[in-house]
Amino acid sequence: MTTVADPAAPVSKPRVRDAEATKARILDAAKKEFAKNGLGGARVDLISEKAKANKRMIYHYFGSKEGLFQTVLENAYVDIRTAEQKLNLDHLEPKQALERLVRFTWDYYLKNPEFITLVNSENLHRAKHLKKSEVVKVYSRKFVSMVESILQRGVAAGVFRAGIDPVQLNITIAAIGYYYLTNRFTGSIVFERDLMSKTAIEDRLAFNIDTIMRLVAC
């Protein structure tokens, strides 16, 4: 006896694996795990559990724990570099552009603490993962060019002194925020003040801006 399908019955669609969504969940869970425990202390089992993804899929997509870490690290750098490009600093006067960049860097560090801890972890490994990344190099070159453009426009406008290395300036902008935040706990004890209070954070931003603007001024 032949069974005739009921045309009114719902059609059962084959389950399709959403690869991109799975990768996104894995990367999100991995970023938190690596930021908390570093490459050495991070556990793939825990990443798999939090991402609700089969452990085999992690190795399928990223090859290894180190491959996963490299992708997380690349994404972290691409994210900050992309956000910097979206500031559209070329449309601002040089002094306004530089001040906005300093403000952005400080705010980004505050809102994305994982970035700092991931960078710390990679430095412990002597940047062996970044050395393999062409993506980070491309995005970083764009950023250096952007800072160089701001400086050149400032020199042409007579508000910045000539001869400032954009790489050195970027290192200084990063350092005055990075050091403060990575040492916020010890600093709060040593200097006997709450470095993360609202007032302290506002004061630090004002100091950062003043420091950089004095550094580049004629």
Protein backbone atom coordinates (compact mmCIF):
# COMPACT_ATOMS: atom_id res chain seq x y z
CA MET A 1 0.00 0.00 0.00
CA THR A 2 1.38 3.35 -1.08
CA THR A 3 1.20 6.20 1.41
CA VAL A 4 0.27 9.54 -0.11
CA ALA A 5 1.78 12.58 1.56
CA ASP A 6 -0.67 15.10 2.90
CA PRO A 7 -0.05 18.31 0.92
CA ALA A 8 -1.32 20.34 3.88
CA ALA A 9 1.25 18.86 6.27
CA PRO A 10 4.25 21.10 7.16
CA VAL A 11 7.38 20.36 5.15
CA SER A 12 10.28 19.22 7.30
CA LYS A 13 13.37 21.19 6.33
CA PRO A 14 16.82 19.69 6.92
CA ARG A 15 18.67 21.32 9.78
CA VAL A 16 21.27 23.66 8.37
CA ARG A 17 24.28 24.47 10.47
CA ASP A 18 24.80 28.19 10.76
CA ALA A 19 28.57 28.23 10.54
CA GLU A 20 28.99 31.96 10.95
CA ALA A 21 26.78 32.09 14.03
CA THR A 22 28.68 29.18 15.55
CA LYS A 23 32.02 30.84 14.85
CA ALA A 24 30.77 34.08 16.39
CA ARG A 25 29.71 32.29 19.58
CA ILE A 26 33.03 30.49 19.78
CA LEU A 27 35.00 33.70 19.29
CA ASP A 28 32.95 35.57 21.87
CA ALA A 29 33.42 32.84 24.46
CA ALA A 30 37.10 32.51 23.58
CA LYS A 31 37.73 36.23 23.94
CA LYS A 32 36.37 36.19 27.48
CA GLU A 33 38.26 33.03 28.41
CA PHE A 34 41.58 34.19 26.95
CA ALA A 35 41.18 37.64 28.48
CA LYS A 36 40.55 36.11 31.89
CA ASN A 37 43.11 33.29 31.90
CA GLY A 38 45.55 34.01 29.08
CA LEU A 39 46.50 31.55 26.36
CA GLY A 40 48.11 29.09 28.75
CA GLY A 41 45.29 29.02 31.30
CA ALA A 42 42.36 29.07 28.89
CA ARG A 43 40.46 25.79 28.49
CA VAL A 44 38.98 24.73 25.18
CA ASP A 45 36.41 22.60 27.03
CA LEU A 46 35.12 25.68 28.82
CA ILE A 47 35.06 27.73 25.61
CA SER A 48 33.09 24.94 23.93
CA GLU A 49 30.63 24.81 26.81
CA LYS A 50 30.04 28.55 26.93
CA ALA A 51 29.73 28.80 23.15
CA LYS A 52 27.29 25.88 23.10
CA ALA A 53 29.42 24.43 20.33
CA ASN A 54 30.91 20.99 19.85
CA LYS A 55 34.59 20.96 20.78
CA ARG A 56 35.40 19.35 17.44
CA MET A 57 33.97 22.39 15.66
CA ILE A 58 36.53 24.64 17.38
CA TYR A 59 39.37 22.58 15.94
CA HIS A 60 37.57 22.35 12.60
CA TYR A 61 37.26 26.14 12.28
CA PHE A 62 40.47 27.28 13.98
CA GLY A 63 42.84 24.31 13.86
CA SER A 64 44.08 24.54 17.44
CA LYS A 65 43.81 26.54 20.64
CA GLU A 66 46.66 28.72 19.40
CA GLY A 67 44.88 29.24 16.11
CA LEU A 68 41.77 30.29 18.00
CA PHE A 69 43.80 32.68 20.15
CA GLN A 70 45.38 34.24 17.06
CA THR A 71 41.96 34.84 15.51
CA VAL A 72 40.66 36.39 18.74
CA LEU A 73 43.74 38.62 18.92
CA GLU A 74 43.44 39.65 15.27
CA ASN A 75 39.78 40.52 15.75
CA ALA A 76 40.63 42.62 18.79
CA TYR A 77 43.14 44.70 16.84
CA VAL A 78 40.88 44.96 13.79
CA ASP A 79 38.04 46.16 16.02
CA ILE A 80 39.96 49.06 17.55
CA ARG A 81 41.59 50.03 14.25
CA THR A 82 38.22 49.96 12.45
CA ALA A 83 36.62 52.07 15.18
CA GLU A 84 39.45 54.60 14.86
CA GLN A 85 38.90 54.90 11.11
CA LYS A 86 35.20 55.57 11.73
CA LEU A 87 36.07 58.68 13.75
CA ASN A 88 36.47 60.52 10.41
CA LEU A 89 39.27 62.64 11.84
CA ASP A 90 40.22 64.04 8.43
CA HIS A 91 37.11 66.22 8.58
CA LEU A 92 38.21 67.92 11.81
CA GLU A 93 40.76 70.61 12.51
CA PRO A 94 44.11 69.02 13.50
CA LYS A 95 43.87 69.90 17.21
CA GLN A 96 40.26 68.69 17.40
CA ALA A 97 41.18 65.51 15.54
CA LEU A 98 44.05 64.69 17.88
CA GLU A 99 41.98 65.41 20.99
CA ARG A 100 39.20 63.16 19.70
CA LEU A 101 41.72 60.38 19.12
CA VAL A 102 43.05 60.67 22.67
CA ARG A 103 39.50 60.64 24.06
CA PHE A 104 38.57 57.65 21.91
CA THR A 105 41.62 55.63 22.98
CA TRP A 106 40.88 56.20 26.67
CA ASP A 107 37.18 55.40 26.29
CA TYR A 108 37.93 52.31 24.24
CA TYR A 109 40.24 50.92 26.90
CA LEU A 110 37.60 51.55 29.56
CA LYS A 111 34.81 49.90 27.57
CA ASN A 112 36.91 47.01 26.25
CA PRO A 113 39.09 45.76 29.12
CA GLU A 114 39.56 42.46 27.27
CA PHE A 115 41.69 44.25 24.71
CA ILE A 116 44.29 45.19 27.29
CA THR A 117 44.45 41.73 28.85
CA LEU A 118 44.69 40.05 25.45
CA VAL A 119 47.60 42.32 24.52
CA ASN A 120 49.25 41.55 27.85
CA SER A 121 48.91 37.84 27.16
CA GLU A 122 50.39 38.16 23.68
CA ASN A 123 53.36 40.11 25.05
CA LEU A 124 54.07 37.21 27.40
CA HIS A 125 54.39 35.09 24.25
CA ARG A 126 56.67 37.66 22.58
CA ALA A 127 54.03 38.46 19.94
CA LYS A 128 54.55 35.14 18.18
CA HIS A 129 50.92 35.11 17.00
CA LEU A 130 50.93 38.70 15.73
CA LYS A 131 54.09 37.94 13.75
CA LYS A 132 51.99 35.59 11.63
CA SER A 133 49.19 38.09 11.08
CA GLU A 134 49.17 40.11 7.87
CA VAL A 135 45.71 41.43 8.78
CA VAL A 136 46.97 43.31 11.84
CA LYS A 137 49.88 44.77 9.88
CA VAL A 138 47.56 46.14 7.19
CA TYR A 139 45.19 47.76 9.69
CA SER A 140 48.05 49.17 11.76
CA ARG A 141 49.64 50.80 8.72
CA LYS A 142 46.33 52.55 7.99
CA PHE A 143 46.24 53.84 11.55
CA VAL A 144 49.80 55.17 11.44
CA SER A 145 48.97 56.92 8.15
CA MET A 146 45.92 58.50 9.77
CA VAL A 147 47.97 59.87 12.67
CA GLU A 148 50.66 61.05 10.28
CA SER A 149 48.02 62.93 8.28
CA ILE A 150 46.78 64.70 11.42
CA LEU A 151 50.33 65.76 12.28
CA GLN A 152 51.06 66.98 8.76
CA ARG A 153 47.86 69.02 8.70
CA GLY A 154 48.74 70.46 12.08
CA VAL A 155 52.19 71.49 10.90
CA ALA A 156 50.70 73.10 7.77
CA ALA A 157 48.21 74.99 9.95
CA GLY A 158 50.99 76.20 12.23
CA VAL A 159 49.60 74.54 15.36
CA PHE A 160 51.89 71.47 15.60
CA ARG A 161 55.67 71.37 15.52
CA ALA A 162 57.39 69.52 12.71
CA GLY A 163 59.32 66.29 13.00
CA ILE A 164 57.03 64.27 15.28
CA ASP A 165 57.10 60.54 14.57
CA PRO A 166 53.49 59.28 14.27
CA VAL A 167 54.50 55.87 15.63
CA GLN A 168 56.09 57.43 18.73
CA LEU A 169 53.04 59.61 19.23
CA ASN A 170 50.70 56.63 18.99
CA ILE A 171 52.81 54.70 21.52
CA THR A 172 52.58 57.64 23.93
CA ILE A 173 48.80 58.03 23.50
CA ALA A 174 48.36 54.32 24.15
CA ALA A 175 50.83 54.23 27.03
CA ILE A 176 49.34 57.02 29.15
CA GLY A 177 46.02 55.22 29.19
CA TYR A 178 47.27 51.65 29.13
CA TYR A 179 49.65 51.98 32.08
CA TYR A 180 47.07 53.74 34.22
CA LEU A 181 44.49 51.01 33.72
CA THR A 182 46.80 47.99 33.97
CA ASN A 183 48.14 49.37 37.26
CA ARG A 184 44.86 50.67 38.66
CA PHE A 185 44.78 48.27 41.60
CA THR A 186 48.37 48.72 42.77
CA GLY A 187 48.24 52.41 41.90
CA SER A 188 45.20 52.95 44.07
CA ILE A 189 47.16 51.59 47.04
CA VAL A 190 50.48 53.29 46.28
CA PHE A 191 48.97 56.71 45.61
CA GLU A 192 46.21 56.36 48.21
CA ARG A 193 43.35 57.30 45.94
CA ASP A 194 40.67 55.42 44.03
CA LEU A 195 42.02 55.56 40.49
CA MET A 196 38.75 54.21 39.07
CA SER A 197 36.37 56.68 40.70
CA LYS A 198 34.35 58.83 38.29
CA THR A 199 36.31 61.94 39.24
CA ALA A 200 39.68 60.19 38.92
CA ILE A 201 38.79 58.85 35.46
CA GLU A 202 37.69 62.29 34.27
CA ASP A 203 40.82 63.90 35.72
CA ARG A 204 43.01 61.32 34.03
CA LEU A 205 41.41 61.92 30.63
CA ALA A 206 41.92 65.67 31.01
CA PHE A 207 45.56 65.04 31.95
CA ASN A 208 46.05 62.73 28.96
CA ILE A 209 44.66 65.31 26.56
CA ASP A 210 46.74 68.11 28.06
CA THR A 211 49.89 65.97 27.91
CA ILE A 212 49.50 65.07 24.25
CA MET A 213 48.50 68.56 23.14
CA ARG A 214 51.53 70.09 24.89
CA LEU A 215 53.74 67.42 23.32
CA VAL A 216 52.79 68.34 19.76
CA ALA A 217 52.35 72.11 20.19
CA CYS A 218 54.69 74.54 18.49
